[in-house]
Amino acid sequence: MKRVFYILLFAFVSCAAPEHIVSTHFESNPLEGVVCADNQILYVTLDAQPVNIRESADFAQMVKSHCYGDYGVIELTAPLTQIGSVPFAKNRQLAAVTLPQSVVKIDYGAFTGCQALQYINIPDGVTEIGTNAFCDCHSLKSVIIPNSVTRIKDCAFEDCWSLEHTMIGSSVCLIGERAFGGCTGRLTINCNIPTSNVVTEYGSEGPAITEYVGVFERSKFSEVIVGEGVTTIGSRAFMFNTNLERVVLPTTLRRISRYAFYGCDNLRTIECNAVLPPKLKLCAIPKNEQLVKTCVPSGSVERYRDVWRWNRRTIIEAQ
């Protein structure tokens, strides 16, 4: 049964400029209020404690909330353009969020720790998903990242361990460290997979590179489908993804970089649709006790068998 919610509208005057404040109260919901002024979200209250937003979001129309039983559904309306830092973080009753097409950025920690969140739409127009934006959203079922997104920052979807399907659009050029760490299910990726991330530590003598980490290293995807148009899989991309069992590669693929699938000990099948064998760099495919079966176009079997690394590490068969 829909619970009653209250909208309190009152005027606010500050020394900077007179503004209108919209305070929305959600009865029996840890997300108690959203306060905004001058078309900007200022803060929200979580469990009656105000949480400041470092980078506010344009917000010209009020937040709508409908509470059903023990969970909440929130619809944000245009012309909201940015979800600021941590506005909905750790709301344990929030189950679904609808964002308007006007949103272009989802900032740091916007929905981190929303453990009941099952649905979020990312509008076609968003260009950046910030660090920890959806980290620890343990109930999230599906993520579709549109072609407009170019940057997915560190830990953006880390430990979303209920994911059944993740789709990444064609324009992404940066995927941060552990952006999808701990994520499960099927991954469909339509962009060139970047090479390893540089992990840097800062000490008394300045920055120092400590290691390189693959963009999906130690994730838990069971299936990876690389979309048509992709030409490169970067180094260490899926390294130590021990849940991975099946990989589908496109006709356009030209290169699988070093250690891309190293340590994927349960990988059993690669379906490679490229007529010409993609270049395999050092340890790109794991050498398991049970060799990986590679299915290739029927007219390309001998071409793959003539490539030492393909023939040594996999069993080549016709599709």
C-alpha atoms as a PDB file:
ATOM      1  CA  MET A   1       0.000   0.000   0.000  1.00  0.00           C
ATOM      2  CA  LYS A   2       1.314   3.386  -0.953  1.00  0.00           C
ATOM      3  CA  ARG A   3       2.403   5.263   2.108  1.00  0.00           C
ATOM      4  CA  VAL A   4       1.597   8.884   2.579  1.00  0.00           C
ATOM      5  CA  PHE A   5       4.374  11.339   1.870  1.00  0.00           C
ATOM      6  CA  TYR A   6       4.444  15.047   2.511  1.00  0.00           C
ATOM      7  CA  ILE A   7       5.849  17.896   0.505  1.00  0.00           C
ATOM      8  CA  LEU A   8       6.687  21.015   2.433  1.00  0.00           C
ATOM      9  CA  LEU A   9       7.375  24.144   0.401  1.00  0.00           C
ATOM     10  CA  PHE A  10       8.682  27.264   2.048  1.00  0.00           C
ATOM     11  CA  ALA A  11      10.779  30.318   1.221  1.00  0.00           C
ATOM     12  CA  PHE A  12      14.363  30.762   2.223  1.00  0.00           C
ATOM     13  CA  VAL A  13      16.441  33.915   2.207  1.00  0.00           C
ATOM     14  CA  SER A  14      20.234  33.870   2.358  1.00  0.00           C
ATOM     15  CA  CYS A  15      22.790  36.664   2.259  1.00  0.00           C
ATOM     16  CA  ALA A  16      23.982  35.448  -1.132  1.00  0.00           C
ATOM     17  CA  ALA A  17      20.579  35.471  -2.818  1.00  0.00           C
ATOM     18  CA  PRO A  18      16.946  34.822  -1.927  1.00  0.00           C
ATOM     19  CA  GLU A  19      15.980  31.306  -2.955  1.00  0.00           C
ATOM     20  CA  HIS A  20      13.142  28.835  -2.697  1.00  0.00           C
ATOM     21  CA  ILE A  21      13.737  25.680  -0.698  1.00  0.00           C
ATOM     22  CA  VAL A  22      11.882  22.467  -1.419  1.00  0.00           C
ATOM     23  CA  SER A  23      11.926  19.987   1.443  1.00  0.00           C
ATOM     24  CA  THR A  24      10.466  16.608   0.617  1.00  0.00           C
ATOM     25  CA  HIS A  25       9.736  14.233   3.487  1.00  0.00           C
ATOM     26  CA  PHE A  26       9.372  10.499   2.952  1.00  0.00           C
ATOM     27  CA  GLU A  27       7.454   8.908   5.789  1.00  0.00           C
ATOM     28  CA  SER A  28       9.076   5.800   7.327  1.00  0.00           C
ATOM     29  CA  ASN A  29      11.991   5.993   4.907  1.00  0.00           C
ATOM     30  CA  PRO A  30      15.667   6.487   5.928  1.00  0.00           C
ATOM     31  CA  LEU A  31      15.871   8.990   3.073  1.00  0.00           C
ATOM     32  CA  GLU A  32      13.960  11.640   4.987  1.00  0.00           C
ATOM     33  CA  GLY A  33      14.417  14.741   2.929  1.00  0.00           C
ATOM     34  CA  VAL A  34      15.924  16.469  -0.050  1.00  0.00           C
ATOM     35  CA  VAL A  35      16.592  20.172   0.405  1.00  0.00           C
ATOM     36  CA  CYS A  36      17.364  22.294  -2.610  1.00  0.00           C
ATOM     37  CA  ALA A  37      17.944  25.965  -3.308  1.00  0.00           C
ATOM     38  CA  ASP A  38      18.702  27.936  -6.450  1.00  0.00           C
ATOM     39  CA  ASN A  39      18.029  24.840  -8.561  1.00  0.00           C
ATOM     40  CA  GLN A  40      20.726  22.936  -6.682  1.00  0.00           C
ATOM     41  CA  ILE A  41      20.524  20.010  -4.321  1.00  0.00           C
ATOM     42  CA  LEU A  42      22.149  21.196  -1.094  1.00  0.00           C
ATOM     43  CA  TYR A  43      21.880  18.100   1.046  1.00  0.00           C
ATOM     44  CA  VAL A  44      19.728  15.167   1.957  1.00  0.00           C
ATOM     45  CA  THR A  45      19.036  13.735   5.369  1.00  0.00           C
ATOM     46  CA  LEU A  46      19.792  10.087   5.964  1.00  0.00           C
ATOM     47  CA  ASP A  47      18.516   8.611   9.231  1.00  0.00           C
ATOM     48  CA  ALA A  48      17.857  12.190  10.350  1.00  0.00           C
ATOM     49  CA  GLN A  49      21.507  13.166   9.791  1.00  0.00           C
ATOM     50  CA  PRO A  50      22.262  15.797   7.124  1.00  0.00           C
ATOM     51  CA  VAL A  51      24.697  14.731   4.425  1.00  0.00           C
ATOM     52  CA  ASN A  52      26.405  17.558   2.583  1.00  0.00           C
ATOM     53  CA  ILE A  53      26.808  17.403  -1.180  1.00  0.00           C
ATOM     54  CA  ARG A  54      30.154  18.711  -2.344  1.00  0.00           C
ATOM     55  CA  GLU A  55      29.116  19.172  -5.972  1.00  0.00           C
ATOM     56  CA  SER A  56      25.463  20.083  -6.181  1.00  0.00           C
ATOM     57  CA  ALA A  57      23.097  19.219  -9.009  1.00  0.00           C
ATOM     58  CA  ASP A  58      20.717  21.393 -11.009  1.00  0.00           C
ATOM     59  CA  PHE A  59      17.258  20.578  -9.736  1.00  0.00           C
ATOM     60  CA  ALA A  60      14.420  22.791 -10.968  1.00  0.00           C
ATOM     61  CA  GLN A  61      11.499  20.527 -10.188  1.00  0.00           C
ATOM     62  CA  MET A  62      10.823  18.727  -6.977  1.00  0.00           C
ATOM     63  CA  VAL A  63      11.715  15.149  -6.168  1.00  0.00           C
ATOM     64  CA  LYS A  64       8.855  12.689  -6.359  1.00  0.00           C
ATOM     65  CA  SER A  65       8.811   9.701  -4.039  1.00  0.00           C
ATOM     66  CA  HIS A  66       6.351   6.878  -3.644  1.00  0.00           C
ATOM     67  CA  CYS A  67       6.879   4.440  -0.815  1.00  0.00           C
ATOM     68  CA  TYR A  68       5.564   0.922  -1.174  1.00  0.00           C
ATOM     69  CA  GLY A  69       5.816  -1.329   1.854  1.00  0.00           C
ATOM     70  CA  ASP A  70       9.411  -1.529   2.925  1.00  0.00           C
ATOM     71  CA  TYR A  71      11.020   0.017  -0.130  1.00  0.00           C
ATOM     72  CA  GLY A  72      11.035   3.288  -2.001  1.00  0.00           C
ATOM     73  CA  VAL A  73      10.791   4.328  -5.614  1.00  0.00           C
ATOM     74  CA  ILE A  74      12.175   7.735  -6.521  1.00  0.00           C
ATOM     75  CA  GLU A  75      11.609   9.600  -9.770  1.00  0.00           C
ATOM     76  CA  LEU A  76      13.803  12.602 -10.470  1.00  0.00           C
ATOM     77  CA  THR A  77      12.473  15.032 -13.051  1.00  0.00           C
ATOM     78  CA  ALA A  78      14.041  17.327 -15.652  1.00  0.00           C
ATOM     79  CA  PRO A  79      15.926  19.620 -15.883  1.00  0.00           C
ATOM     80  CA  LEU A  80      18.134  17.826 -13.382  1.00  0.00           C
ATOM     81  CA  THR A  81      21.588  17.671 -15.010  1.00  0.00           C
ATOM     82  CA  GLN A  82      23.868  16.197 -12.354  1.00  0.00           C
ATOM     83  CA  ILE A  83      23.506  13.815  -9.449  1.00  0.00           C
ATOM     84  CA  GLY A  84      25.886  15.300  -6.886  1.00  0.00           C
ATOM     85  CA  SER A  85      28.139  13.481  -4.440  1.00  0.00           C
ATOM     86  CA  VAL A  86      26.467  11.037  -2.043  1.00  0.00           C
ATOM     87  CA  PRO A  87      22.877  12.389  -2.214  1.00  0.00           C
ATOM     88  CA  PHE A  88      21.286   8.941  -1.849  1.00  0.00           C
ATOM     89  CA  ALA A  89      24.156   6.995  -0.298  1.00  0.00           C
ATOM     90  CA  LYS A  90      23.342   4.156   2.106  1.00  0.00           C
ATOM     91  CA  ASN A  91      19.577   4.430   1.733  1.00  0.00           C
ATOM     92  CA  ARG A  92      18.706   0.829   2.520  1.00  0.00           C
ATOM     93  CA  GLN A  93      15.087   1.069   1.371  1.00  0.00           C
ATOM     94  CA  LEU A  94      15.576   2.603  -2.055  1.00  0.00           C
ATOM     95  CA  ALA A  95      14.640  -0.039  -4.639  1.00  0.00           C
ATOM     96  CA  ALA A  96      14.282   1.883  -7.909  1.00  0.00           C
ATOM     97  CA  VAL A  97      15.431   5.228  -9.295  1.00  0.00           C
ATOM     98  CA  THR A  98      14.353   6.845 -12.557  1.00  0.00           C
ATOM     99  CA  LEU A  99      16.605   9.595 -13.890  1.00  0.00           C
ATOM    100  CA  PRO A 100      15.479  12.124 -16.517  1.00  0.00           C
ATOM    101  CA  GLN A 101      17.111  12.426 -19.938  1.00  0.00           C
ATOM    102  CA  SER A 102      18.613  15.766 -18.877  1.00  0.00           C
ATOM    103  CA  VAL A 103      21.188  14.140 -16.548  1.00  0.00           C
ATOM    104  CA  VAL A 104      24.766  14.282 -17.895  1.00  0.00           C
ATOM    105  CA  LYS A 105      26.804  13.212 -14.857  1.00  0.00           C
ATOM    106  CA  ILE A 106      26.423  10.843 -11.918  1.00  0.00           C
ATOM    107  CA  ASP A 107      28.954  11.952  -9.351  1.00  0.00           C
ATOM    108  CA  TYR A 108      31.078  10.389  -6.629  1.00  0.00           C
ATOM    109  CA  GLY A 109      29.206   7.952  -4.376  1.00  0.00           C
ATOM    110  CA  ALA A 110      25.770   9.070  -5.582  1.00  0.00           C
ATOM    111  CA  PHE A 111      24.063   5.749  -4.804  1.00  0.00           C
ATOM    112  CA  THR A 112      26.802   3.889  -2.954  1.00  0.00           C
ATOM    113  CA  GLY A 113      25.564   1.404  -0.393  1.00  0.00           C
ATOM    114  CA  CYS A 114      21.942   1.384  -1.611  1.00  0.00           C
ATOM    115  CA  GLN A 115      21.727  -2.311  -0.874  1.00  0.00           C
ATOM    116  CA  ALA A 116      18.068  -2.697  -1.893  1.00  0.00           C
ATOM    117  CA  LEU A 117      18.445  -0.866  -5.210  1.00  0.00           C
ATOM    118  CA  GLN A 118      17.342  -3.180  -8.023  1.00  0.00           C
ATOM    119  CA  TYR A 119      16.721  -0.770 -10.890  1.00  0.00           C
ATOM    120  CA  ILE A 120      18.490   2.334 -12.175  1.00  0.00           C
ATOM    121  CA  ASN A 121      18.224   3.809 -15.661  1.00  0.00           C
ATOM    122  CA  ILE A 122      21.281   5.635 -16.977  1.00  0.00           C
ATOM    123  CA  PRO A 123      19.974   8.087 -19.582  1.00  0.00           C
ATOM    124  CA  ASP A 124      21.500   8.410 -23.046  1.00  0.00           C
ATOM    125  CA  GLY A 125      23.277  11.701 -22.459  1.00  0.00           C
ATOM    126  CA  VAL A 126      25.248  10.827 -19.326  1.00  0.00           C
ATOM    127  CA  THR A 127      28.965  11.190 -20.094  1.00  0.00           C
ATOM    128  CA  GLU A 128      30.562  10.223 -16.779  1.00  0.00           C
ATOM    129  CA  ILE A 129      29.837   7.814 -13.949  1.00  0.00           C
ATOM    130  CA  GLY A 130      31.840   8.812 -10.906  1.00  0.00           C
ATOM    131  CA  THR A 131      33.952   6.915  -8.410  1.00  0.00           C
ATOM    132  CA  ASN A 132      31.907   4.601  -6.155  1.00  0.00           C
ATOM    133  CA  ALA A 133      28.690   5.833  -7.805  1.00  0.00           C
ATOM    134  CA  PHE A 134      26.937   2.461  -7.421  1.00  0.00           C
ATOM    135  CA  CYS A 135      29.428   0.649  -5.218  1.00  0.00           C
ATOM    136  CA  ASP A 136      27.862  -1.965  -2.890  1.00  0.00           C
ATOM    137  CA  CYS A 137      24.453  -1.915  -4.597  1.00  0.00           C
ATOM    138  CA  HIS A 138      24.118  -5.595  -3.802  1.00  0.00           C
ATOM    139  CA  SER A 139      20.611  -6.058  -5.284  1.00  0.00           C
ATOM    140  CA  LEU A 140      21.194  -4.342  -8.635  1.00  0.00           C
ATOM    141  CA  LYS A 141      20.097  -6.720 -11.398  1.00  0.00           C
ATOM    142  CA  SER A 142      21.048  -5.000 -14.655  1.00  0.00           C
ATOM    143  CA  VAL A 143      23.259  -2.144 -15.821  1.00  0.00           C
ATOM    144  CA  ILE A 144      23.008  -0.648 -19.303  1.00  0.00           C
ATOM    145  CA  ILE A 145      25.617   2.040 -19.929  1.00  0.00           C
ATOM    146  CA  PRO A 146      24.640   4.064 -23.023  1.00  0.00           C
ATOM    147  CA  ASN A 147      26.924   5.077 -25.874  1.00  0.00           C
ATOM    148  CA  SER A 148      27.127   8.635 -24.522  1.00  0.00           C
ATOM    149  CA  VAL A 149      29.259   7.560 -21.523  1.00  0.00           C
ATOM    150  CA  THR A 150      33.005   8.079 -22.017  1.00  0.00           C
ATOM    151  CA  ARG A 151      34.318   7.621 -18.455  1.00  0.00           C
ATOM    152  CA  ILE A 152      33.513   5.041 -15.790  1.00  0.00           C
ATOM    153  CA  LYS A 153      35.636   5.857 -12.773  1.00  0.00           C
ATOM    154  CA  ASP A 154      37.202   3.746 -10.021  1.00  0.00           C
ATOM    155  CA  CYS A 155      34.931   1.284  -8.187  1.00  0.00           C
ATOM    156  CA  ALA A 156      31.826   2.696  -9.894  1.00  0.00           C
ATOM    157  CA  PHE A 157      29.996  -0.654  -9.744  1.00  0.00           C
ATOM    158  CA  GLU A 158      32.238  -2.570  -7.374  1.00  0.00           C
ATOM    159  CA  ASP A 159      30.581  -5.449  -5.504  1.00  0.00           C
ATOM    160  CA  CYS A 160      27.270  -5.307  -7.352  1.00  0.00           C
ATOM    161  CA  TRP A 161      27.211  -9.052  -6.931  1.00  0.00           C
ATOM    162  CA  SER A 162      23.609  -9.684  -8.049  1.00  0.00           C
ATOM    163  CA  LEU A 163      24.145  -8.404 -11.583  1.00  0.00           C
ATOM    164  CA  GLU A 164      22.734 -10.681 -14.258  1.00  0.00           C
ATOM    165  CA  HIS A 165      23.654  -8.534 -17.262  1.00  0.00           C
ATOM    166  CA  THR A 166      25.982  -5.576 -17.760  1.00  0.00           C
ATOM    167  CA  MET A 167      26.181  -3.767 -21.099  1.00  0.00           C
ATOM    168  CA  ILE A 168      28.842  -1.129 -21.804  1.00  0.00           C
ATOM    169  CA  GLY A 169      28.409   1.268 -24.727  1.00  0.00           C
ATOM    170  CA  SER A 170      30.780   1.971 -27.587  1.00  0.00           C
ATOM    171  CA  SER A 171      32.209   5.355 -26.498  1.00  0.00           C
ATOM    172  CA  VAL A 172      33.849   4.423 -23.189  1.00  0.00           C
ATOM    173  CA  CYS A 173      37.548   5.255 -23.253  1.00  0.00           C
ATOM    174  CA  LEU A 174      38.305   5.031 -19.535  1.00  0.00           C
ATOM    175  CA  ILE A 175      37.293   2.290 -17.119  1.00  0.00           C
ATOM    176  CA  GLY A 176      38.757   2.883 -13.688  1.00  0.00           C
ATOM    177  CA  GLU A 177      40.405   0.496 -11.253  1.00  0.00           C
ATOM    178  CA  ARG A 178      37.939  -2.121  -9.968  1.00  0.00           C
ATOM    179  CA  ALA A 179      35.068  -0.307 -11.671  1.00  0.00           C
ATOM    180  CA  PHE A 180      33.341  -3.691 -11.962  1.00  0.00           C
ATOM    181  CA  GLY A 181      35.219  -5.581  -9.263  1.00  0.00           C
ATOM    182  CA  GLY A 182      33.129  -8.416  -7.860  1.00  0.00           C
ATOM    183  CA  CYS A 183      30.428  -8.068 -10.540  1.00  0.00           C
ATOM    184  CA  THR A 184      28.755 -11.227 -11.805  1.00  0.00           C
ATOM    185  CA  GLY A 185      26.623 -12.513 -14.691  1.00  0.00           C
ATOM    186  CA  ARG A 186      27.033 -11.683 -18.388  1.00  0.00           C
ATOM    187  CA  LEU A 187      29.090  -8.730 -19.620  1.00  0.00           C
ATOM    188  CA  THR A 188      28.491  -7.282 -23.088  1.00  0.00           C
ATOM    189  CA  ILE A 189      31.089  -4.684 -24.008  1.00  0.00           C
ATOM    190  CA  ASN A 190      30.988  -2.631 -27.203  1.00  0.00           C
ATOM    191  CA  CYS A 191      34.122  -0.499 -26.814  1.00  0.00           C
ATOM    192  CA  ASN A 192      37.814  -1.281 -27.146  1.00  0.00           C
ATOM    193  CA  ILE A 193      38.831  -2.619 -23.757  1.00  0.00           C
ATOM    194  CA  PRO A 194      41.441  -0.270 -22.304  1.00  0.00           C
ATOM    195  CA  THR A 195      44.823  -1.547 -21.251  1.00  0.00           C
ATOM    196  CA  SER A 196      45.811  -1.906 -17.594  1.00  0.00           C
ATOM    197  CA  ASN A 197      45.169   0.879 -15.122  1.00  0.00           C
ATOM    198  CA  VAL A 198      48.164   2.377 -13.371  1.00  0.00           C
ATOM    199  CA  VAL A 199      47.830   2.146  -9.600  1.00  0.00           C
ATOM    200  CA  THR A 200      49.773   4.970  -7.984  1.00  0.00           C
ATOM    201  CA  GLU A 201      50.699   5.509  -4.359  1.00  0.00           C
ATOM    202  CA  TYR A 202      51.763   8.876  -2.982  1.00  0.00           C
ATOM    203  CA  GLY A 203      54.534   8.996  -0.414  1.00  0.00           C
ATOM    204  CA  SER A 204      56.945  11.534   1.008  1.00  0.00           C
ATOM    205  CA  GLU A 205      58.946  11.463  -2.203  1.00  0.00           C
ATOM    206  CA  GLY A 206      55.918  11.982  -4.441  1.00  0.00           C
ATOM    207  CA  PRO A 207      53.903   9.635  -6.631  1.00  0.00           C
ATOM    208  CA  ALA A 208      55.175   6.145  -7.414  1.00  0.00           C
ATOM    209  CA  ILE A 209      53.663   3.548  -9.727  1.00  0.00           C
ATOM    210  CA  THR A 210      53.105   0.409  -7.674  1.00  0.00           C
ATOM    211  CA  GLU A 211      51.378  -1.952 -10.101  1.00  0.00           C
ATOM    212  CA  TYR A 212      49.174  -2.317 -13.144  1.00  0.00           C
ATOM    213  CA  VAL A 213      45.639  -3.631 -12.797  1.00  0.00           C
ATOM    214  CA  GLY A 214      43.396  -4.860 -15.614  1.00  0.00           C
ATOM    215  CA  VAL A 215      40.091  -3.057 -16.024  1.00  0.00           C
ATOM    216  CA  PHE A 216      38.048  -6.197 -15.228  1.00  0.00           C
ATOM    217  CA  GLU A 217      40.756  -7.973 -13.260  1.00  0.00           C
ATOM    218  CA  ARG A 218      39.364 -10.291 -10.541  1.00  0.00           C
ATOM    219  CA  SER A 219      35.770  -9.611 -11.555  1.00  0.00           C
ATOM    220  CA  LYS A 220      33.330 -12.516 -11.430  1.00  0.00           C
ATOM    221  CA  PHE A 221      31.634 -12.464 -14.811  1.00  0.00           C
ATOM    222  CA  SER A 222      30.608 -15.908 -16.039  1.00  0.00           C
ATOM    223  CA  GLU A 223      30.268 -14.862 -19.683  1.00  0.00           C
ATOM    224  CA  VAL A 224      31.817 -12.062 -21.747  1.00  0.00           C
ATOM    225  CA  ILE A 225      30.478 -10.972 -25.134  1.00  0.00           C
ATOM    226  CA  VAL A 226      32.678  -8.494 -27.012  1.00  0.00           C
ATOM    227  CA  GLY A 227      30.631  -6.519 -29.518  1.00  0.00           C
ATOM    228  CA  GLU A 228      31.220  -5.926 -33.209  1.00  0.00           C
ATOM    229  CA  GLY A 229      33.531  -2.999 -33.909  1.00  0.00           C
ATOM    230  CA  VAL A 230      35.885  -3.792 -31.034  1.00  0.00           C
ATOM    231  CA  THR A 231      39.457  -4.322 -32.261  1.00  0.00           C
ATOM    232  CA  THR A 232      41.496  -4.601 -29.052  1.00  0.00           C
ATOM    233  CA  ILE A 233      41.335  -6.277 -25.660  1.00  0.00           C
ATOM    234  CA  GLY A 234      43.818  -4.581 -23.349  1.00  0.00           C
ATOM    235  CA  SER A 235      46.461  -6.179 -21.154  1.00  0.00           C
ATOM    236  CA  ARG A 236      45.292  -7.996 -18.000  1.00  0.00           C
ATOM    237  CA  ALA A 237      41.705  -7.109 -18.955  1.00  0.00           C
ATOM    238  CA  PHE A 238      40.067 -10.191 -17.393  1.00  0.00           C
ATOM    239  CA  MET A 239      43.022 -11.539 -15.457  1.00  0.00           C
ATOM    240  CA  PHE A 240      42.081 -13.917 -12.600  1.00  0.00           C
ATOM    241  CA  ASN A 241      38.386 -13.806 -13.472  1.00  0.00           C
ATOM    242  CA  THR A 242      37.925 -17.304 -12.092  1.00  0.00           C
ATOM    243  CA  ASN A 243      34.164 -17.472 -12.757  1.00  0.00           C
ATOM    244  CA  LEU A 244      34.592 -16.893 -16.487  1.00  0.00           C
ATOM    245  CA  GLU A 245      33.464 -19.873 -18.591  1.00  0.00           C
ATOM    246  CA  ARG A 246      32.613 -18.491 -22.038  1.00  0.00           C
ATOM    247  CA  VAL A 247      33.917 -15.657 -24.232  1.00  0.00           C
ATOM    248  CA  VAL A 248      32.485 -14.483 -27.569  1.00  0.00           C
ATOM    249  CA  LEU A 249      34.777 -12.372 -29.769  1.00  0.00           C
ATOM    250  CA  PRO A 250      33.748 -10.274 -32.815  1.00  0.00           C
ATOM    251  CA  THR A 251      34.776 -10.410 -36.463  1.00  0.00           C
ATOM    252  CA  THR A 252      36.573  -7.073 -35.991  1.00  0.00           C
ATOM    253  CA  LEU A 253      38.953  -8.199 -33.233  1.00  0.00           C
ATOM    254  CA  ARG A 254      42.637  -7.792 -34.141  1.00  0.00           C
ATOM    255  CA  ARG A 255      44.556  -8.058 -30.859  1.00  0.00           C
ATOM    256  CA  ILE A 256      44.332  -9.728 -27.460  1.00  0.00           C
ATOM    257  CA  SER A 257      47.001  -8.169 -25.279  1.00  0.00           C
ATOM    258  CA  ARG A 258      49.283  -9.874 -22.781  1.00  0.00           C
ATOM    259  CA  TYR A 259      47.687 -11.606 -19.788  1.00  0.00           C
ATOM    260  CA  ALA A 260      44.198 -10.585 -20.975  1.00  0.00           C
ATOM    261  CA  PHE A 261      42.642 -13.871 -19.799  1.00  0.00           C
ATOM    262  CA  TYR A 262      45.507 -15.133 -17.652  1.00  0.00           C
ATOM    263  CA  GLY A 263      44.339 -17.006 -14.574  1.00  0.00           C
ATOM    264  CA  CYS A 264      40.811 -17.576 -15.937  1.00  0.00           C
ATOM    265  CA  ASP A 265      41.082 -21.200 -14.885  1.00  0.00           C
ATOM    266  CA  ASN A 266      37.467 -22.110 -15.619  1.00  0.00           C
ATOM    267  CA  LEU A 267      37.401 -20.700 -19.141  1.00  0.00           C
ATOM    268  CA  ARG A 268      36.208 -23.510 -21.381  1.00  0.00           C
ATOM    269  CA  THR A 269      34.949 -21.974 -24.623  1.00  0.00           C
ATOM    270  CA  ILE A 270      36.037 -19.102 -26.873  1.00  0.00           C
ATOM    271  CA  GLU A 271      33.878 -18.311 -29.873  1.00  0.00           C
ATOM    272  CA  CYS A 272      36.034 -16.188 -32.140  1.00  0.00           C
ATOM    273  CA  ASN A 273      34.235 -14.857 -35.216  1.00  0.00           C
ATOM    274  CA  ALA A 274      37.300 -13.193 -36.751  1.00  0.00           C
ATOM    275  CA  VAL A 275      38.289 -14.760 -40.069  1.00  0.00           C
ATOM    276  CA  LEU A 276      41.941 -13.832 -39.506  1.00  0.00           C
ATOM    277  CA  PRO A 277      43.334 -14.958 -36.119  1.00  0.00           C
ATOM    278  CA  PRO A 278      43.725 -11.996 -33.742  1.00  0.00           C
ATOM    279  CA  LYS A 279      47.273 -11.480 -32.495  1.00  0.00           C
ATOM    280  CA  LEU A 280      47.775 -13.242 -29.170  1.00  0.00           C
ATOM    281  CA  LYS A 281      50.363 -11.647 -26.932  1.00  0.00           C
ATOM    282  CA  LEU A 282      52.217 -13.311 -24.054  1.00  0.00           C
ATOM    283  CA  CYS A 283      49.906 -15.447 -21.850  1.00  0.00           C
ATOM    284  CA  ALA A 284      46.814 -13.832 -23.349  1.00  0.00           C
ATOM    285  CA  ILE A 285      44.889 -17.106 -23.019  1.00  0.00           C
ATOM    286  CA  PRO A 286      45.296 -19.383 -19.997  1.00  0.00           C
ATOM    287  CA  LYS A 287      46.959 -22.742 -20.393  1.00  0.00           C
ATOM    288  CA  ASN A 288      44.535 -24.828 -18.359  1.00  0.00           C
ATOM    289  CA  GLU A 289      44.824 -28.541 -17.641  1.00  0.00           C
ATOM    290  CA  GLN A 290      41.668 -28.852 -19.701  1.00  0.00           C
ATOM    291  CA  LEU A 291      42.485 -26.879 -22.844  1.00  0.00           C
ATOM    292  CA  VAL A 292      40.130 -24.138 -23.952  1.00  0.00           C
ATOM    293  CA  LYS A 293      38.021 -25.001 -26.982  1.00  0.00           C
ATOM    294  CA  THR A 294      38.098 -22.261 -29.631  1.00  0.00           C
ATOM    295  CA  CYS A 295      35.324 -22.247 -32.209  1.00  0.00           C
ATOM    296  CA  VAL A 296      36.223 -20.291 -35.359  1.00  0.00           C
ATOM    297  CA  PRO A 297      34.687 -19.739 -38.821  1.00  0.00           C
ATOM    298  CA  SER A 298      34.747 -22.975 -40.767  1.00  0.00           C
ATOM    299  CA  GLY A 299      37.120 -21.636 -43.412  1.00  0.00           C
ATOM    300  CA  SER A 300      39.631 -20.376 -40.828  1.00  0.00           C
ATOM    301  CA  VAL A 301      40.433 -23.520 -38.853  1.00  0.00           C
ATOM    302  CA  GLU A 302      43.832 -24.070 -40.491  1.00  0.00           C
ATOM    303  CA  ARG A 303      44.741 -20.384 -40.177  1.00  0.00           C
ATOM    304  CA  TYR A 304      44.254 -20.573 -36.405  1.00  0.00           C
ATOM    305  CA  ARG A 305      46.095 -23.870 -36.169  1.00  0.00           C
ATOM    306  CA  ASP A 306      49.054 -22.312 -37.971  1.00  0.00           C
ATOM    307  CA  VAL A 307      49.394 -19.697 -35.218  1.00  0.00           C
ATOM    308  CA  TRP A 308      51.570 -21.194 -32.502  1.00  0.00           C
ATOM    309  CA  ARG A 309      49.911 -19.550 -29.497  1.00  0.00           C
ATOM    310  CA  TRP A 310      46.371 -20.310 -30.659  1.00  0.00           C
ATOM    311  CA  ASN A 311      47.244 -23.913 -31.441  1.00  0.00           C
ATOM    312  CA  ARG A 312      49.274 -24.507 -28.281  1.00  0.00           C
ATOM    313  CA  ARG A 313      46.761 -23.156 -25.779  1.00  0.00           C
ATOM    314  CA  THR A 314      43.443 -24.065 -27.365  1.00  0.00           C
ATOM    315  CA  ILE A 315      41.701 -26.808 -29.316  1.00  0.00           C
ATOM    316  CA  ILE A 316      40.652 -25.277 -32.640  1.00  0.00           C
ATOM    317  CA  GLU A 317      37.282 -26.358 -33.992  1.00  0.00           C
ATOM    318  CA  ALA A 318      34.927 -25.100 -36.695  1.00  0.00           C
ATOM    319  CA  GLN A 319      31.772 -23.287 -35.599  1.00  0.00           C
END
